Amino acid sequence: MPMAQIFSVHCRLDKKGARHRQNAFIPSQERCCVDTLSADMTANPHLKFRHSPWTFDERSTAELDQLADGAIVVDAAGSIVFANAVAIAMHGRLIMGVQPDDYSPMHGLFTEDGRPYPSTDLPLARAAMFGETVLGAKWRIRRPDGSSVTAMGDAMPLTDAQGTQSGAILLFHQTSS
């Protein structure tokens, strides 16, 4: 994937103890491409991914590994190429190379009411296959040990410096056990 914007995410707690994510961008050596924040982007900092080119490299994986949220990255074909430790822990396992049609059965993903989640309707699949940005989606993860958690997150396509979709990313956190 081409050289791109690198980011970091910091979490803060408000006075009521609610967690808020804040992204801080670090310019890549090649170019700095942070657009002016719109009201929507202020409400959801994950939207910044839609406006910045992306590179899947050691630096970006190191940044993703430091997140308090789960992060899963797929390539342009939708194949899972990276998951941080938080994502793996929430799922109990993550299988690299899985294609969008198999996301749900391979990783135990269900709707909030417990029905099998159709793989192509999952936020990451929609971002990878159709270039959609999906915000605030919720789903259940049934781990291999039989336990389950509810997760909530955002998925968005990733683009290279020319604006071509080069993959997608899902950022999510656990909302209940």
C-alpha atoms as a PDB file:
ATOM      1  CA  MET A   1       0.000   0.000   0.000  1.00  0.00           C
ATOM      2  CA  PRO A   2       1.283   3.552  -0.711  1.00  0.00           C
ATOM      3  CA  MET A   3       2.772   5.912   1.886  1.00  0.00           C
ATOM      4  CA  ALA A   4       0.161   7.734   3.973  1.00  0.00           C
ATOM      5  CA  GLN A   5      -0.939   9.655   6.980  1.00  0.00           C
ATOM      6  CA  ILE A   6      -0.178   8.082  10.358  1.00  0.00           C
ATOM      7  CA  PHE A   7      -2.397   8.617  13.372  1.00  0.00           C
ATOM      8  CA  SER A   8      -2.705   7.951  17.052  1.00  0.00           C
ATOM      9  CA  VAL A   9      -5.770   7.729  19.243  1.00  0.00           C
ATOM     10  CA  HIS A  10      -5.928   8.932  22.806  1.00  0.00           C
ATOM     11  CA  CYS A  11      -8.771   8.290  25.208  1.00  0.00           C
ATOM     12  CA  ARG A  12      -9.995  10.647  27.863  1.00  0.00           C
ATOM     13  CA  LEU A  13     -12.702  10.412  30.483  1.00  0.00           C
ATOM     14  CA  ASP A  14     -15.245  13.158  30.994  1.00  0.00           C
ATOM     15  CA  LYS A  15     -16.587  14.206  34.416  1.00  0.00           C
ATOM     16  CA  LYS A  16     -19.153  11.389  34.346  1.00  0.00           C
ATOM     17  CA  GLY A  17     -16.521   8.767  33.529  1.00  0.00           C
ATOM     18  CA  ALA A  18     -17.571   8.307  29.885  1.00  0.00           C
ATOM     19  CA  ARG A  19     -14.730   7.432  27.516  1.00  0.00           C
ATOM     20  CA  HIS A  20     -14.060   9.682  24.505  1.00  0.00           C
ATOM     21  CA  ARG A  21     -11.659   8.891  21.680  1.00  0.00           C
ATOM     22  CA  GLN A  22      -9.505  11.663  20.278  1.00  0.00           C
ATOM     23  CA  ASN A  23      -7.355  11.180  17.188  1.00  0.00           C
ATOM     24  CA  ALA A  24      -4.102  13.060  16.725  1.00  0.00           C
ATOM     25  CA  PHE A  25      -2.480  12.903  13.312  1.00  0.00           C
ATOM     26  CA  ILE A  26       1.259  12.682  12.772  1.00  0.00           C
ATOM     27  CA  PRO A  27       2.287  13.683   9.246  1.00  0.00           C
ATOM     28  CA  SER A  28       4.014  11.008   7.188  1.00  0.00           C
ATOM     29  CA  GLN A  29       7.341  11.861   5.615  1.00  0.00           C
ATOM     30  CA  GLU A  30       5.685  11.990   2.218  1.00  0.00           C
ATOM     31  CA  ARG A  31       2.765  14.342   2.846  1.00  0.00           C
ATOM     32  CA  CYS A  32       0.397  15.796   5.402  1.00  0.00           C
ATOM     33  CA  CYS A  33      -3.229  15.495   4.411  1.00  0.00           C
ATOM     34  CA  VAL A  34      -5.515  16.365   7.330  1.00  0.00           C
ATOM     35  CA  ASP A  35      -8.690  18.009   6.153  1.00  0.00           C
ATOM     36  CA  THR A  36     -10.540  20.651   8.104  1.00  0.00           C
ATOM     37  CA  LEU A  37     -12.849  19.059  10.619  1.00  0.00           C
ATOM     38  CA  SER A  38     -16.524  19.196   9.831  1.00  0.00           C
ATOM     39  CA  ALA A  39     -19.191  19.010  12.523  1.00  0.00           C
ATOM     40  CA  ASP A  40     -19.630  15.308  11.737  1.00  0.00           C
ATOM     41  CA  MET A  41     -15.917  14.629  12.120  1.00  0.00           C
ATOM     42  CA  THR A  42     -15.850  16.448  15.445  1.00  0.00           C
ATOM     43  CA  ALA A  43     -18.683  14.222  16.634  1.00  0.00           C
ATOM     44  CA  ASN A  44     -16.812  11.090  15.484  1.00  0.00           C
ATOM     45  CA  PRO A  45     -13.033  11.344  15.161  1.00  0.00           C
ATOM     46  CA  HIS A  46     -12.856   7.989  13.352  1.00  0.00           C
ATOM     47  CA  LEU A  47     -14.165   9.818  10.280  1.00  0.00           C
ATOM     48  CA  LYS A  48     -10.711  11.320   9.823  1.00  0.00           C
ATOM     49  CA  PHE A  49      -9.685   8.016   8.249  1.00  0.00           C
ATOM     50  CA  ARG A  50     -11.947   8.801   5.293  1.00  0.00           C
ATOM     51  CA  HIS A  51      -9.966  11.912   4.462  1.00  0.00           C
ATOM     52  CA  SER A  52      -6.402  10.695   4.839  1.00  0.00           C
ATOM     53  CA  PRO A  53      -4.292   8.408   2.701  1.00  0.00           C
ATOM     54  CA  TRP A  54      -3.181   5.216   4.450  1.00  0.00           C
ATOM     55  CA  THR A  55      -0.128   2.966   4.511  1.00  0.00           C
ATOM     56  CA  PHE A  56      -0.010  -0.438   6.115  1.00  0.00           C
ATOM     57  CA  ASP A  57       3.512  -0.488   7.512  1.00  0.00           C
ATOM     58  CA  GLU A  58       5.425  -1.051  10.766  1.00  0.00           C
ATOM     59  CA  ARG A  59       4.674   2.419  12.047  1.00  0.00           C
ATOM     60  CA  SER A  60       0.936   2.196  11.430  1.00  0.00           C
ATOM     61  CA  THR A  61       0.705  -1.253  13.002  1.00  0.00           C
ATOM     62  CA  ALA A  62       2.640   0.021  16.029  1.00  0.00           C
ATOM     63  CA  GLU A  63       0.114   2.858  16.361  1.00  0.00           C
ATOM     64  CA  LEU A  64      -2.819   0.455  16.036  1.00  0.00           C
ATOM     65  CA  ASP A  65      -1.269  -1.865  18.627  1.00  0.00           C
ATOM     66  CA  GLN A  66      -1.332   0.989  21.167  1.00  0.00           C
ATOM     67  CA  LEU A  67      -5.053   1.678  20.834  1.00  0.00           C
ATOM     68  CA  ALA A  68      -7.450   1.085  23.710  1.00  0.00           C
ATOM     69  CA  ASP A  69      -9.978   0.024  21.028  1.00  0.00           C
ATOM     70  CA  GLY A  70      -9.938  -3.053  18.850  1.00  0.00           C
ATOM     71  CA  ALA A  71      -8.641  -2.471  15.322  1.00  0.00           C
ATOM     72  CA  ILE A  72      -8.944  -4.741  12.293  1.00  0.00           C
ATOM     73  CA  VAL A  73      -7.498  -3.807   8.891  1.00  0.00           C
ATOM     74  CA  VAL A  74      -8.316  -5.454   5.583  1.00  0.00           C
ATOM     75  CA  ASP A  75      -6.663  -5.052   2.196  1.00  0.00           C
ATOM     76  CA  ALA A  76      -8.358  -3.900  -1.029  1.00  0.00           C
ATOM     77  CA  ALA A  77      -9.830  -7.399  -1.550  1.00  0.00           C
ATOM     78  CA  GLY A  78     -11.311  -7.396   1.970  1.00  0.00           C
ATOM     79  CA  SER A  79      -8.874  -9.996   3.316  1.00  0.00           C
ATOM     80  CA  ILE A  80      -8.001  -9.492   7.007  1.00  0.00           C
ATOM     81  CA  VAL A  81      -4.337  -8.474   7.184  1.00  0.00           C
ATOM     82  CA  PHE A  82      -4.057  -7.096  10.728  1.00  0.00           C
ATOM     83  CA  ALA A  83      -5.775  -7.190  14.101  1.00  0.00           C
ATOM     84  CA  ASN A  84      -4.428  -5.562  17.244  1.00  0.00           C
ATOM     85  CA  ALA A  85      -4.243  -7.361  20.593  1.00  0.00           C
ATOM     86  CA  VAL A  86      -7.489  -5.765  21.825  1.00  0.00           C
ATOM     87  CA  ALA A  87      -9.414  -7.071  18.789  1.00  0.00           C
ATOM     88  CA  ILE A  88      -7.949 -10.547  19.201  1.00  0.00           C
ATOM     89  CA  ALA A  89      -8.776 -10.605  22.929  1.00  0.00           C
ATOM     90  CA  MET A  90     -12.374  -9.492  22.307  1.00  0.00           C
ATOM     91  CA  HIS A  91     -12.886 -12.198  19.681  1.00  0.00           C
ATOM     92  CA  GLY A  92     -10.906 -14.883  21.466  1.00  0.00           C
ATOM     93  CA  ARG A  93      -9.135 -15.393  18.122  1.00  0.00           C
ATOM     94  CA  LEU A  94      -8.953 -13.731  14.720  1.00  0.00           C
ATOM     95  CA  ILE A  95      -8.038 -15.561  11.552  1.00  0.00           C
ATOM     96  CA  MET A  96      -5.860 -13.651   9.104  1.00  0.00           C
ATOM     97  CA  GLY A  97      -6.709 -13.908   5.411  1.00  0.00           C
ATOM     98  CA  VAL A  98     -10.458 -14.369   5.944  1.00  0.00           C
ATOM     99  CA  GLN A  99     -12.519 -12.810   3.141  1.00  0.00           C
ATOM    100  CA  PRO A 100     -15.705 -10.723   3.699  1.00  0.00           C
ATOM    101  CA  ASP A 101     -18.098 -13.593   2.921  1.00  0.00           C
ATOM    102  CA  ASP A 102     -16.613 -15.566   5.811  1.00  0.00           C
ATOM    103  CA  TYR A 103     -16.201 -12.855   8.494  1.00  0.00           C
ATOM    104  CA  SER A 104     -19.272 -13.899  10.473  1.00  0.00           C
ATOM    105  CA  PRO A 105     -19.002 -17.717  10.555  1.00  0.00           C
ATOM    106  CA  MET A 106     -15.219 -17.690  11.091  1.00  0.00           C
ATOM    107  CA  HIS A 107     -15.362 -15.213  13.985  1.00  0.00           C
ATOM    108  CA  GLY A 108     -18.698 -15.942  15.701  1.00  0.00           C
ATOM    109  CA  LEU A 109     -20.468 -12.667  14.873  1.00  0.00           C
ATOM    110  CA  PHE A 110     -24.148 -12.181  15.655  1.00  0.00           C
ATOM    111  CA  THR A 111     -26.722  -9.400  15.639  1.00  0.00           C
ATOM    112  CA  GLU A 112     -27.606  -7.824  18.988  1.00  0.00           C
ATOM    113  CA  ASP A 113     -30.648 -10.097  19.235  1.00  0.00           C
ATOM    114  CA  GLY A 114     -28.525 -13.227  18.706  1.00  0.00           C
ATOM    115  CA  ARG A 115     -29.187 -14.046  15.051  1.00  0.00           C
ATOM    116  CA  PRO A 116     -26.201 -14.904  12.818  1.00  0.00           C
ATOM    117  CA  TYR A 117     -24.952 -11.651  11.304  1.00  0.00           C
ATOM    118  CA  PRO A 118     -24.896 -11.913   7.499  1.00  0.00           C
ATOM    119  CA  SER A 119     -21.221 -11.441   6.665  1.00  0.00           C
ATOM    120  CA  THR A 120     -21.766  -8.941   3.876  1.00  0.00           C
ATOM    121  CA  ASP A 121     -23.893  -6.761   6.188  1.00  0.00           C
ATOM    122  CA  LEU A 122     -21.130  -6.417   8.792  1.00  0.00           C
ATOM    123  CA  PRO A 123     -19.615  -2.922   9.081  1.00  0.00           C
ATOM    124  CA  LEU A 124     -16.120  -4.018   7.977  1.00  0.00           C
ATOM    125  CA  ALA A 125     -17.489  -5.918   4.974  1.00  0.00           C
ATOM    126  CA  ARG A 126     -19.581  -2.907   3.911  1.00  0.00           C
ATOM    127  CA  ALA A 127     -16.540  -0.639   4.155  1.00  0.00           C
ATOM    128  CA  ALA A 128     -14.318  -3.101   2.282  1.00  0.00           C
ATOM    129  CA  MET A 129     -16.764  -4.215  -0.413  1.00  0.00           C
ATOM    130  CA  PHE A 130     -18.862  -1.113  -1.020  1.00  0.00           C
ATOM    131  CA  GLY A 131     -16.710   1.782   0.243  1.00  0.00           C
ATOM    132  CA  GLU A 132     -19.301   2.668   2.903  1.00  0.00           C
ATOM    133  CA  THR A 133     -18.594   4.385   6.197  1.00  0.00           C
ATOM    134  CA  VAL A 134     -20.570   2.715   8.982  1.00  0.00           C
ATOM    135  CA  LEU A 135     -20.799   4.515  12.318  1.00  0.00           C
ATOM    136  CA  GLY A 136     -22.013   3.294  15.700  1.00  0.00           C
ATOM    137  CA  ALA A 137     -22.777  -0.261  14.611  1.00  0.00           C
ATOM    138  CA  LYS A 138     -23.366  -2.901  17.299  1.00  0.00           C
ATOM    139  CA  TRP A 139     -22.925  -6.661  17.168  1.00  0.00           C
ATOM    140  CA  ARG A 140     -22.285  -9.644  19.428  1.00  0.00           C
ATOM    141  CA  ILE A 141     -19.101 -11.658  19.406  1.00  0.00           C
ATOM    142  CA  ARG A 142     -19.336 -15.293  20.519  1.00  0.00           C
ATOM    143  CA  ARG A 143     -15.838 -16.406  21.487  1.00  0.00           C
ATOM    144  CA  PRO A 144     -14.518 -19.947  20.982  1.00  0.00           C
ATOM    145  CA  ASP A 145     -14.800 -20.542  24.765  1.00  0.00           C
ATOM    146  CA  GLY A 146     -18.572 -19.878  24.576  1.00  0.00           C
ATOM    147  CA  SER A 147     -18.532 -16.463  26.269  1.00  0.00           C
ATOM    148  CA  SER A 148     -19.868 -13.468  24.375  1.00  0.00           C
ATOM    149  CA  VAL A 149     -19.609  -9.686  24.402  1.00  0.00           C
ATOM    150  CA  THR A 150     -21.397  -6.838  22.680  1.00  0.00           C
ATOM    151  CA  ALA A 151     -19.195  -4.541  20.614  1.00  0.00           C
ATOM    152  CA  MET A 152     -19.774  -1.157  19.030  1.00  0.00           C
ATOM    153  CA  GLY A 153     -17.641   0.465  16.381  1.00  0.00           C
ATOM    154  CA  ASP A 154     -17.031   2.311  13.177  1.00  0.00           C
ATOM    155  CA  ALA A 155     -15.791   0.978   9.843  1.00  0.00           C
ATOM    156  CA  MET A 156     -14.533   3.022   6.946  1.00  0.00           C
ATOM    157  CA  PRO A 157     -12.666   2.552   3.700  1.00  0.00           C
ATOM    158  CA  LEU A 158      -8.969   3.460   3.562  1.00  0.00           C
ATOM    159  CA  THR A 159      -7.565   5.235   0.541  1.00  0.00           C
ATOM    160  CA  ASP A 160      -4.110   5.693  -0.909  1.00  0.00           C
ATOM    161  CA  ALA A 161      -2.554   9.031  -1.883  1.00  0.00           C
ATOM    162  CA  GLN A 162      -4.397   8.940  -5.238  1.00  0.00           C
ATOM    163  CA  GLY A 163      -7.777   8.471  -3.537  1.00  0.00           C
ATOM    164  CA  THR A 164      -8.155   4.826  -4.577  1.00  0.00           C
ATOM    165  CA  GLN A 165      -9.612   2.514  -1.954  1.00  0.00           C
ATOM    166  CA  SER A 166      -6.729   0.431  -0.580  1.00  0.00           C
ATOM    167  CA  GLY A 167      -8.583  -1.401   2.193  1.00  0.00           C
ATOM    168  CA  ALA A 168     -10.794  -0.736   5.183  1.00  0.00           C
ATOM    169  CA  ILE A 169     -10.517  -0.426   8.935  1.00  0.00           C
ATOM    170  CA  LEU A 170     -12.820  -1.322  11.809  1.00  0.00           C
ATOM    171  CA  LEU A 171     -12.310   0.390  15.171  1.00  0.00           C
ATOM    172  CA  PHE A 172     -14.476  -0.927  18.006  1.00  0.00           C
ATOM    173  CA  HIS A 173     -14.828  -1.377  21.739  1.00  0.00           C
ATOM    174  CA  GLN A 174     -16.700  -3.666  24.075  1.00  0.00           C
ATOM    175  CA  THR A 175     -19.979  -2.247  25.409  1.00  0.00           C
ATOM    176  CA  SER A 176     -21.071  -5.190  27.586  1.00  0.00           C
ATOM    177  CA  SER A 177     -20.250  -8.750  28.490  1.00  0.00           C
END
